[in-house]
Amino acid sequence: MELALGKMQSNYLSGMKRCYKQVLKATPRAAGAVTLEFAVNDTGRVVNPAVTSFDATLQTCLEAQLRNWRFPIPKDPDGEPMIATFRFGFGLVPD
């Protein structure tokens, strides 16, 4: 989980911010909770992305972002590739 969170912050945070900025253009005080839920398959690709958001535009944009994310291949305790599921929640507020 820590590896996935670190990868999100270092590689994907800018894309998430772009999605939020699109919303802020239309609604400057837009704020609320967002939940990202997805699985990483045995090739490192995101599958079954789902976003719960306070704004439909934000939700659509973030789901599109998630589909392009890649992570290190998750492995079971024996070192075999496996599917891992992640759920992250966070709040967005304008600067």
N, C-alpha and C. Protein backbone atom coordinates (compact mmCIF):
# COMPACT_ATOMS: atom_id res chain seq x y z
N MET A 1 0.83 -1.19 0.00
CA MET A 1 0.00 0.00 0.00
C MET A 1 0.87 1.25 0.00
N GLU A 2 1.93 1.27 0.80
CA GLU A 2 2.81 2.44 0.85
C GLU A 2 3.46 2.69 -0.50
N LEU A 3 3.83 1.61 -1.19
CA LEU A 3 4.45 1.75 -2.51
C LEU A 3 3.46 2.38 -3.49
N ALA A 4 2.21 1.95 -3.44
CA ALA A 4 1.19 2.50 -4.33
C ALA A 4 0.94 3.97 -4.01
N LEU A 5 0.87 4.31 -2.73
CA LEU A 5 0.65 5.70 -2.34
C LEU A 5 1.82 6.58 -2.78
N GLY A 6 3.03 6.10 -2.61
CA GLY A 6 4.21 6.85 -3.05
C GLY A 6 4.21 7.07 -4.55
N LYS A 7 3.84 6.05 -5.31
CA LYS A 7 3.78 6.16 -6.77
C LYS A 7 2.70 7.16 -7.17
N MET A 8 1.57 7.14 -6.47
CA MET A 8 0.50 8.10 -6.77
C MET A 8 0.99 9.52 -6.55
N GLN A 9 1.66 9.75 -5.43
CA GLN A 9 2.13 11.10 -5.11
C GLN A 9 3.20 11.56 -6.08
N SER A 10 4.13 10.70 -6.42
CA SER A 10 5.24 11.13 -7.26
C SER A 10 4.89 11.18 -8.75
N ASN A 11 4.05 10.28 -9.22
CA ASN A 11 3.79 10.20 -10.66
C ASN A 11 2.42 10.70 -11.09
N TYR A 12 1.42 10.60 -10.23
CA TYR A 12 0.06 10.83 -10.69
C TYR A 12 -0.66 12.00 -10.04
N LEU A 13 -0.06 12.62 -9.05
CA LEU A 13 -0.70 13.74 -8.35
C LEU A 13 -0.97 14.91 -9.28
N SER A 14 -0.04 15.19 -10.20
CA SER A 14 -0.24 16.33 -11.10
C SER A 14 -1.47 16.14 -11.99
N GLY A 15 -1.71 14.93 -12.46
CA GLY A 15 -2.91 14.66 -13.26
C GLY A 15 -4.17 14.82 -12.44
N MET A 16 -4.12 14.39 -11.18
CA MET A 16 -5.28 14.56 -10.31
C MET A 16 -5.55 16.04 -10.06
N LYS A 17 -4.49 16.82 -9.90
CA LYS A 17 -4.66 18.26 -9.71
C LYS A 17 -5.27 18.91 -10.94
N ARG A 18 -4.87 18.47 -12.13
CA ARG A 18 -5.45 19.02 -13.37
C ARG A 18 -6.96 18.77 -13.40
N CYS A 19 -7.37 17.59 -13.00
CA CYS A 19 -8.80 17.28 -12.96
C CYS A 19 -9.53 18.23 -12.01
N TYR A 20 -8.95 18.45 -10.85
CA TYR A 20 -9.58 19.33 -9.86
C TYR A 20 -9.62 20.77 -10.36
N LYS A 21 -8.57 21.22 -11.04
CA LYS A 21 -8.55 22.58 -11.57
C LYS A 21 -9.64 22.79 -12.61
N GLN A 22 -9.96 21.76 -13.38
CA GLN A 22 -11.07 21.86 -14.34
C GLN A 22 -12.37 22.16 -13.61
N VAL A 23 -12.57 21.49 -12.50
CA VAL A 23 -13.78 21.70 -11.71
C VAL A 23 -13.79 23.11 -11.12
N LEU A 24 -12.64 23.55 -10.62
CA LEU A 24 -12.56 24.88 -10.00
C LEU A 24 -12.83 26.00 -11.00
N LYS A 25 -12.54 25.79 -12.27
CA LYS A 25 -12.85 26.81 -13.29
C LYS A 25 -14.36 27.07 -13.34
N ALA A 26 -15.14 26.01 -13.22
CA ALA A 26 -16.60 26.14 -13.28
C ALA A 26 -17.20 26.50 -11.93
N THR A 27 -16.59 25.98 -10.86
CA THR A 27 -17.10 26.19 -9.50
C THR A 27 -15.92 26.50 -8.60
N PRO A 28 -15.55 27.79 -8.47
CA PRO A 28 -14.33 28.16 -7.76
C PRO A 28 -14.22 27.69 -6.31
N ARG A 29 -15.32 27.42 -5.67
CA ARG A 29 -15.26 26.97 -4.26
C ARG A 29 -15.53 25.48 -4.11
N ALA A 30 -15.46 24.74 -5.19
CA ALA A 30 -15.73 23.30 -5.14
C ALA A 30 -14.78 22.62 -4.17
N ALA A 31 -15.35 21.82 -3.29
CA ALA A 31 -14.56 21.09 -2.30
C ALA A 31 -15.36 19.87 -1.85
N GLY A 32 -14.65 18.86 -1.42
CA GLY A 32 -15.33 17.68 -0.92
C GLY A 32 -14.44 16.46 -0.88
N ALA A 33 -15.06 15.35 -0.54
CA ALA A 33 -14.33 14.09 -0.40
C ALA A 33 -14.28 13.34 -1.72
N VAL A 34 -13.19 12.62 -1.91
CA VAL A 34 -12.99 11.78 -3.09
C VAL A 34 -12.44 10.44 -2.62
N THR A 35 -12.94 9.37 -3.21
CA THR A 35 -12.40 8.04 -2.93
C THR A 35 -12.02 7.40 -4.25
N LEU A 36 -10.79 6.90 -4.32
CA LEU A 36 -10.31 6.15 -5.47
C LEU A 36 -10.24 4.69 -5.06
N GLU A 37 -10.82 3.83 -5.87
CA GLU A 37 -10.76 2.40 -5.59
C GLU A 37 -10.37 1.70 -6.89
N PHE A 38 -9.37 0.84 -6.81
CA PHE A 38 -8.90 0.15 -8.01
C PHE A 38 -8.10 -1.08 -7.62
N ALA A 39 -7.93 -1.95 -8.60
CA ALA A 39 -7.08 -3.12 -8.43
C ALA A 39 -5.90 -2.98 -9.38
N VAL A 40 -4.78 -3.55 -8.98
CA VAL A 40 -3.61 -3.62 -9.84
C VAL A 40 -3.44 -5.10 -10.18
N ASN A 41 -3.43 -5.40 -11.48
CA ASN A 41 -3.36 -6.81 -11.87
C ASN A 41 -1.92 -7.32 -11.89
N ASP A 42 -1.77 -8.55 -12.33
CA ASP A 42 -0.46 -9.19 -12.28
C ASP A 42 0.51 -8.71 -13.36
N THR A 43 0.10 -7.67 -14.11
CA THR A 43 1.03 -7.03 -15.05
C THR A 43 1.29 -5.57 -14.66
N GLY A 44 0.71 -5.13 -13.53
CA GLY A 44 0.91 -3.77 -13.05
C GLY A 44 -0.09 -2.76 -13.56
N ARG A 45 -1.08 -3.22 -14.32
CA ARG A 45 -2.10 -2.32 -14.86
C ARG A 45 -3.27 -2.16 -13.89
N VAL A 46 -3.85 -0.97 -13.90
CA VAL A 46 -5.05 -0.71 -13.09
C VAL A 46 -6.25 -1.33 -13.79
N VAL A 47 -7.05 -2.05 -13.00
CA VAL A 47 -8.30 -2.63 -13.51
C VAL A 47 -9.42 -2.25 -12.54
N ASN A 48 -10.61 -2.20 -13.07
CA ASN A 48 -11.80 -1.87 -12.28
C ASN A 48 -11.68 -0.56 -11.51
N PRO A 49 -11.27 0.53 -12.17
CA PRO A 49 -11.19 1.79 -11.44
C PRO A 49 -12.58 2.32 -11.10
N ALA A 50 -12.71 2.86 -9.90
CA ALA A 50 -13.97 3.47 -9.48
C ALA A 50 -13.63 4.69 -8.64
N VAL A 51 -14.34 5.77 -8.92
CA VAL A 51 -14.14 7.02 -8.18
C VAL A 51 -15.47 7.45 -7.61
N THR A 52 -15.48 7.80 -6.35
CA THR A 52 -16.63 8.42 -5.72
C THR A 52 -16.23 9.86 -5.44
N SER A 53 -17.04 10.80 -5.93
CA SER A 53 -16.65 12.20 -5.85
C SER A 53 -17.86 13.09 -5.64
N PHE A 54 -17.59 14.32 -5.22
CA PHE A 54 -18.63 15.32 -5.03
C PHE A 54 -19.00 16.01 -6.34
N ASP A 55 -18.30 15.67 -7.43
CA ASP A 55 -18.52 16.34 -8.71
C ASP A 55 -18.39 15.33 -9.85
N ALA A 56 -19.37 15.29 -10.75
CA ALA A 56 -19.37 14.32 -11.84
C ALA A 56 -18.21 14.53 -12.81
N THR A 57 -17.87 15.79 -13.10
CA THR A 57 -16.75 16.08 -14.00
C THR A 57 -15.44 15.56 -13.40
N LEU A 58 -15.26 15.80 -12.13
CA LEU A 58 -14.06 15.32 -11.44
C LEU A 58 -14.01 13.80 -11.45
N GLN A 59 -15.13 13.18 -11.19
CA GLN A 59 -15.20 11.72 -11.18
C GLN A 59 -14.79 11.14 -12.53
N THR A 60 -15.35 11.68 -13.61
CA THR A 60 -15.03 11.20 -14.95
C THR A 60 -13.56 11.40 -15.28
N CYS A 61 -13.03 12.56 -14.96
CA CYS A 61 -11.63 12.86 -15.24
C CYS A 61 -10.70 11.93 -14.46
N LEU A 62 -10.98 11.74 -13.19
CA LEU A 62 -10.12 10.87 -12.37
C LEU A 62 -10.19 9.41 -12.82
N GLU A 63 -11.37 8.95 -13.21
CA GLU A 63 -11.48 7.58 -13.71
C GLU A 63 -10.65 7.40 -14.97
N ALA A 64 -10.65 8.40 -15.85
CA ALA A 64 -9.82 8.34 -17.06
C ALA A 64 -8.34 8.31 -16.69
N GLN A 65 -7.95 9.10 -15.70
CA GLN A 65 -6.56 9.09 -15.23
C GLN A 65 -6.18 7.70 -14.71
N LEU A 66 -7.02 7.15 -13.87
CA LEU A 66 -6.74 5.84 -13.26
C LEU A 66 -6.49 4.75 -14.29
N ARG A 67 -7.22 4.79 -15.38
CA ARG A 67 -7.08 3.75 -16.40
C ARG A 67 -5.67 3.72 -17.01
N ASN A 68 -4.95 4.82 -16.92
CA ASN A 68 -3.61 4.89 -17.50
C ASN A 68 -2.49 4.68 -16.49
N TRP A 69 -2.83 4.53 -15.23
CA TRP A 69 -1.81 4.37 -14.20
C TRP A 69 -1.19 2.97 -14.27
N ARG A 70 0.10 2.91 -13.94
CA ARG A 70 0.82 1.64 -13.86
C ARG A 70 1.57 1.58 -12.54
N PHE A 71 1.65 0.40 -11.98
CA PHE A 71 2.31 0.19 -10.70
C PHE A 71 3.24 -1.01 -10.80
N PRO A 72 4.17 -1.12 -9.86
CA PRO A 72 4.96 -2.35 -9.81
C PRO A 72 4.03 -3.55 -9.65
N ILE A 73 4.41 -4.66 -10.22
CA ILE A 73 3.58 -5.86 -10.16
C ILE A 73 3.47 -6.33 -8.71
N PRO A 74 2.23 -6.43 -8.19
CA PRO A 74 2.07 -6.92 -6.82
C PRO A 74 2.42 -8.41 -6.75
N LYS A 75 3.01 -8.81 -5.65
CA LYS A 75 3.41 -10.21 -5.49
C LYS A 75 2.92 -10.75 -4.15
N ASP A 76 2.60 -12.02 -4.17
CA ASP A 76 2.18 -12.68 -2.93
C ASP A 76 3.41 -13.00 -2.08
N PRO A 77 3.22 -13.56 -0.89
CA PRO A 77 4.36 -13.85 -0.01
C PRO A 77 5.41 -14.78 -0.64
N ASP A 78 5.00 -15.58 -1.63
CA ASP A 78 5.94 -16.48 -2.31
C ASP A 78 6.62 -15.82 -3.50
N GLY A 79 6.31 -14.54 -3.74
CA GLY A 79 6.92 -13.82 -4.86
C GLY A 79 6.21 -14.00 -6.18
N GLU A 80 5.04 -14.61 -6.16
CA GLU A 80 4.27 -14.81 -7.38
C GLU A 80 3.39 -13.59 -7.66
N PRO A 81 3.22 -13.22 -8.94
CA PRO A 81 2.34 -12.09 -9.27
C PRO A 81 0.92 -12.36 -8.78
N MET A 82 0.25 -11.29 -8.36
CA MET A 82 -1.12 -11.40 -7.86
C MET A 82 -1.87 -10.10 -8.14
N ILE A 83 -3.15 -10.10 -7.87
CA ILE A 83 -3.95 -8.88 -7.99
C ILE A 83 -4.05 -8.25 -6.60
N ALA A 84 -3.83 -6.96 -6.53
CA ALA A 84 -3.93 -6.22 -5.26
C ALA A 84 -4.99 -5.13 -5.43
N THR A 85 -5.80 -4.93 -4.40
CA THR A 85 -6.85 -3.92 -4.43
C THR A 85 -6.51 -2.80 -3.46
N PHE A 86 -6.77 -1.56 -3.92
CA PHE A 86 -6.45 -0.38 -3.12
C PHE A 86 -7.66 0.53 -3.02
N ARG A 87 -7.74 1.23 -1.91
CA ARG A 87 -8.79 2.24 -1.70
C ARG A 87 -8.16 3.40 -0.95
N PHE A 88 -8.22 4.58 -1.56
CA PHE A 88 -7.67 5.79 -0.95
C PHE A 88 -8.76 6.84 -0.88
N GLY A 89 -8.88 7.49 0.24
CA GLY A 89 -9.81 8.59 0.40
C GLY A 89 -9.06 9.85 0.76
N PHE A 90 -9.53 10.98 0.25
CA PHE A 90 -8.90 12.26 0.56
C PHE A 90 -9.89 13.38 0.33
N GLY A 91 -9.59 14.55 0.85
CA GLY A 91 -10.43 15.72 0.68
C GLY A 91 -9.75 16.74 -0.22
N LEU A 92 -10.54 17.42 -1.02
CA LEU A 92 -10.02 18.48 -1.89
C LEU A 92 -10.62 19.81 -1.45
N VAL A 93 -9.77 20.81 -1.33
CA VAL A 93 -10.20 22.17 -1.02
C VAL A 93 -9.39 23.13 -1.88
N PRO A 94 -10.01 24.21 -2.36
CA PRO A 94 -9.26 25.17 -3.18
C PRO A 94 -8.17 25.85 -2.36
N ASP A 95 -7.11 26.27 -3.04
CA ASP A 95 -6.00 26.99 -2.37
C ASP A 95 -6.46 28.31 -1.82
